[in-house]
């Protein structure tokens, strides 16, 4: 198992910083295996995956819990059980660079121990400190993983404290640049700022949010990440107090009735109890932003917690184009299609919504009739 890959570095003369640790780990692992007369038949690579950070997941019984999500790691354990790699080659064991490359989560460690004990296929590291086949090795692994977990928690706490300090000073932080501002996140983008101001004032004047999205998409205006616009994305932008010069943070709140998480923007307040002013140029006034919140609300309304879908197969049907696999959504038929009132299709969302936009389109009534026979 190897750690997440770093982003691509700028072009130019190679330096020590250009040497990726993942490549070095793989090289050391292959050397370790070959020196002992073995052969490396498969590399389980986990790019952009944390061995510690938990995510919210829903269990088969409906409960919502937080777990470290690592599908590659879990797939490697399944392969170890069967003794076969994904392409069918014989698999006798797993070699990891270091124990904290295997896991920093005690649940995953116990899963690995269970596989090794039951199927007698080893998991060892190249330093010789990890051997889950022995009782002493398992005890050592539990201690090391617990300490690695604490180190990760300590680092996370320091990062959070640093972000809180930046928030109190009104300093913009990392991530993609916000729409309407330049890359410095402080000065206004000459074109986007005008578009965003016009959209906000238009909403205040009674124009639908979707009108700006349609117009921008027709003009080729994209989000900072290059996606098309939707009402959800535009509302998220204008709901952010940044637009009126106030420092904010994104928070998640769990709805106890539905078990779902809702994201919303929260104003950062200083020690004096007043909103922190951000170190950037504003696009609209605070009074205009407050009026906007009266129009569109400060957050999307939570669901009722009941599975009362209007379109039964939304999220069940999947796109089959080029192995896209995105869940279909219900799309109402346009008037030009000359269909009865309420006629709809199940289709793949556009690229801006996570789909390919060109997969199979299934008439809703046909899908319902077929589903009765499934």
Foldseek 3Di string as FASTA:
>chain_A
DFDAWDDQDDDDDDDPVNDTVRVVFVVLQQVLQVVVPHGDDDDQDFHPADLAAWDWDADPVGDIDTDRDDVSLVVVLVCLLVQADPVGDGHQAAEGADLVRNHLDPVSLVSNLVSCCVRVRWYYYSVRQATSVDPVNSVSSNVVSPVVNVVVVVVVVVVVVVVLVCLQQQEDDDDQAFFQPDPNNAEGDPPRLVLLLVLLVVVLVPDDNVVSQVVCVVVCNAGSVRFGDDSVVSCQRLLACVQAQFRWDKDWDADPQQRDIWIFIGFDAHPVRHTHGHNHDHSDHPVSSVSSCVRVNRTDDDDRNDPPDPQVQFQPDAFDPPPQGATWDWDADDVVVVDDPPKIWTDFDPVNVPGPRDGDIGTRVVVVVVVVVD
